[in-house]
Amino acid sequence: MEPNNMNCWMQLPENLQTVLMDHLLQNPFVGLNITDGEGRVLYLNQMHRYITGNTPESHLGRKMEDIVSEGLASESATSIVLKTGKEVIINQQTPNRNNYYQVKAVPIKNDAGQVDYVINYLIDTSDLVKLRNNLQEVQTQNELLQKRLKNS
């Protein structure tokens, strides 16, 4: 039988809970964006700024729909979750087109099944996208060279 994670958490000393929560929220590999059930941004961690290039001031307290309409994000995973009530994964590109990232948005529902919060996890995929693009370019060049060799 699996132990209840919340019960395990509550058994930790309060000062350890605080330290752990701070470390979890400031994960150096994952950007976090937490919104309420109306799509208003409540929290961003430091990695979110690194991945998106956007300052906290450009997001905090604002609805994701407005942020998208201003061009600070290409689309909103939060908005999709609020419409569907389901978890979603989308790929995004920064407005300057230099960085790519993937967003996994997870709904947090109340007892009535309504979405109260959405937690967005951002992963920087820039290096992977650039490697894929380079590989495609090399494959295209390889095909051209093979055709030239056949015809010569």
Protein backbone atom coordinates (compact mmCIF):
# COMPACT_ATOMS: atom_id res chain seq x y z
CA MET A 1 0.00 0.00 0.00
CA GLU A 2 1.37 3.44 -1.04
CA PRO A 3 1.69 6.02 1.74
CA ASN A 4 -0.36 9.19 1.34
CA ASN A 5 2.09 11.84 0.08
CA MET A 6 0.31 14.64 1.93
CA ASN A 7 0.55 12.77 5.22
CA CYS A 8 4.28 12.22 4.63
CA TRP A 9 4.71 15.93 3.84
CA MET A 10 2.84 17.02 6.96
CA GLN A 11 5.08 14.85 9.12
CA LEU A 12 8.16 16.84 8.06
CA PRO A 13 9.27 19.65 10.36
CA GLU A 14 7.79 22.99 9.28
CA ASN A 15 11.20 24.60 8.67
CA LEU A 16 12.13 21.69 6.37
CA GLN A 17 8.81 22.03 4.52
CA THR A 18 9.62 25.71 3.89
CA VAL A 19 13.13 24.99 2.62
CA LEU A 20 11.94 22.14 0.40
CA MET A 21 9.10 24.20 -1.05
CA ASP A 22 11.46 27.05 -1.90
CA HIS A 23 13.88 24.66 -3.62
CA LEU A 24 11.08 22.94 -5.53
CA LEU A 25 9.60 26.21 -6.74
CA GLN A 26 13.00 27.54 -7.81
CA ASN A 27 14.03 24.39 -9.68
CA PRO A 28 16.94 25.44 -11.92
CA PHE A 29 15.74 23.29 -14.83
CA VAL A 30 11.98 23.94 -14.93
CA GLY A 31 10.15 27.21 -15.36
CA LEU A 32 6.95 27.54 -13.34
CA ASN A 33 3.91 29.69 -14.04
CA ILE A 34 0.92 29.27 -11.73
CA THR A 35 -2.40 30.88 -12.63
CA ASP A 36 -5.81 31.03 -11.01
CA GLY A 37 -9.03 29.67 -12.52
CA GLU A 38 -9.44 32.83 -14.59
CA GLY A 39 -5.99 32.60 -16.13
CA ARG A 40 -4.47 35.36 -13.98
CA VAL A 41 -0.76 34.78 -13.25
CA LEU A 42 -0.10 34.31 -9.53
CA TYR A 43 3.49 33.04 -9.50
CA LEU A 44 6.56 32.77 -11.73
CA ASN A 45 9.92 31.33 -10.77
CA GLN A 46 13.31 32.62 -11.92
CA MET A 47 13.70 29.94 -14.59
CA HIS A 48 10.49 31.15 -16.24
CA ARG A 49 12.19 34.49 -16.90
CA TYR A 50 15.32 32.77 -18.21
CA ILE A 51 13.33 30.57 -20.62
CA THR A 52 10.86 33.17 -21.90
CA GLY A 53 12.92 36.34 -21.55
CA ASN A 54 9.91 38.03 -19.92
CA THR A 55 10.09 39.92 -16.64
CA PRO A 56 7.78 38.93 -13.78
CA GLU A 57 6.19 42.39 -14.01
CA SER A 58 5.00 41.62 -17.54
CA HIS A 59 3.01 38.63 -16.25
CA LEU A 60 2.14 38.83 -12.55
CA GLY A 61 -1.49 39.72 -11.87
CA ARG A 62 -2.37 39.67 -15.57
CA LYS A 63 -4.50 37.24 -17.56
CA MET A 64 -2.69 34.93 -19.96
CA GLU A 65 -5.07 35.95 -22.78
CA ASP A 66 -3.81 39.55 -22.48
CA ILE A 67 -0.19 38.41 -22.38
CA VAL A 68 -0.71 36.44 -25.61
CA SER A 69 -2.53 39.34 -27.31
CA GLU A 70 0.48 41.57 -26.54
CA GLY A 71 2.80 39.05 -28.20
CA LEU A 72 4.69 38.04 -25.05
CA ALA A 73 3.71 34.40 -25.67
CA SER A 74 2.67 32.65 -28.88
CA GLU A 75 -0.27 30.89 -27.22
CA SER A 76 -1.51 30.04 -23.74
CA ALA A 77 -1.48 26.52 -22.39
CA THR A 78 -3.43 27.90 -19.43
CA SER A 79 -6.25 29.09 -21.72
CA ILE A 80 -6.46 25.67 -23.35
CA VAL A 81 -6.67 23.97 -19.94
CA LEU A 82 -9.35 26.41 -18.76
CA LYS A 83 -11.43 25.66 -21.90
CA THR A 84 -10.99 21.87 -21.86
CA GLY A 85 -10.36 21.11 -18.19
CA LYS A 86 -7.62 18.74 -19.31
CA GLU A 87 -3.83 18.64 -19.11
CA VAL A 88 -2.09 19.89 -22.26
CA ILE A 89 1.42 20.07 -23.72
CA ILE A 90 2.29 22.74 -26.28
CA ASN A 91 5.46 23.98 -27.98
CA GLN A 92 6.26 27.68 -27.98
CA GLN A 93 8.78 30.08 -29.40
CA THR A 94 9.92 33.34 -27.83
CA PRO A 95 8.83 36.51 -29.66
CA ASN A 96 12.39 37.14 -30.88
CA ARG A 97 12.33 33.58 -32.34
CA ASN A 98 15.65 32.64 -30.72
CA ASN A 99 14.39 30.28 -28.01
CA TYR A 100 12.01 27.36 -27.98
CA TYR A 101 10.28 25.78 -25.03
CA GLN A 102 7.65 23.21 -24.20
CA VAL A 103 4.85 23.92 -21.75
CA LYS A 104 2.97 21.25 -19.82
CA ALA A 105 -0.12 22.76 -18.19
CA VAL A 106 -1.87 20.82 -15.43
CA PRO A 107 -5.29 21.74 -14.01
CA ILE A 108 -5.84 21.74 -10.25
CA LYS A 109 -9.54 21.11 -9.72
CA ASN A 110 -11.80 21.63 -6.73
CA ASP A 111 -14.28 19.03 -5.41
CA ALA A 112 -16.89 20.24 -7.93
CA GLY A 113 -14.50 19.51 -10.81
CA GLN A 114 -13.89 23.17 -11.67
CA VAL A 115 -10.36 24.34 -12.42
CA ASP A 116 -9.13 26.52 -9.55
CA TYR A 117 -5.49 26.75 -10.64
CA VAL A 118 -3.27 25.81 -13.55
CA ILE A 119 0.37 24.87 -13.02
CA ASN A 120 2.53 25.38 -16.12
CA TYR A 121 5.90 23.64 -16.34
CA LEU A 122 8.28 25.14 -18.92
CA ILE A 123 11.25 23.22 -20.33
CA ASP A 124 13.80 24.97 -22.55
CA THR A 125 14.03 22.97 -25.78
CA SER A 126 16.11 25.49 -27.76
CA ASP A 127 19.17 23.28 -28.07
CA LEU A 128 17.08 20.29 -29.19
CA VAL A 129 15.23 22.31 -31.82
CA LYS A 130 18.46 23.81 -33.14
CA LEU A 131 20.08 20.36 -33.29
CA ARG A 132 17.06 18.98 -35.15
CA ASN A 133 17.20 21.87 -37.63
CA ASN A 134 20.94 21.34 -38.16
CA LEU A 135 20.41 17.62 -38.68
CA GLN A 136 17.70 18.30 -41.27
CA GLU A 137 20.03 20.69 -43.08
CA VAL A 138 22.85 18.13 -43.10
CA GLN A 139 20.47 15.43 -44.36
CA THR A 140 19.32 17.70 -47.19
CA GLN A 141 22.92 18.48 -48.16
CA ASN A 142 23.75 14.77 -48.02
CA GLU A 143 20.88 13.95 -50.38
CA LEU A 144 22.06 16.63 -52.84
CA LEU A 145 25.62 15.28 -52.74
CA GLN A 146 24.39 11.72 -53.32
CA LYS A 147 22.39 12.86 -56.38
CA ARG A 148 25.46 14.67 -57.74
CA LEU A 149 27.58 11.54 -57.28
CA LYS A 150 25.03 9.39 -59.09
CA ASN A 151 24.83 11.81 -62.00
CA SER A 152 28.58 12.22 -62.41
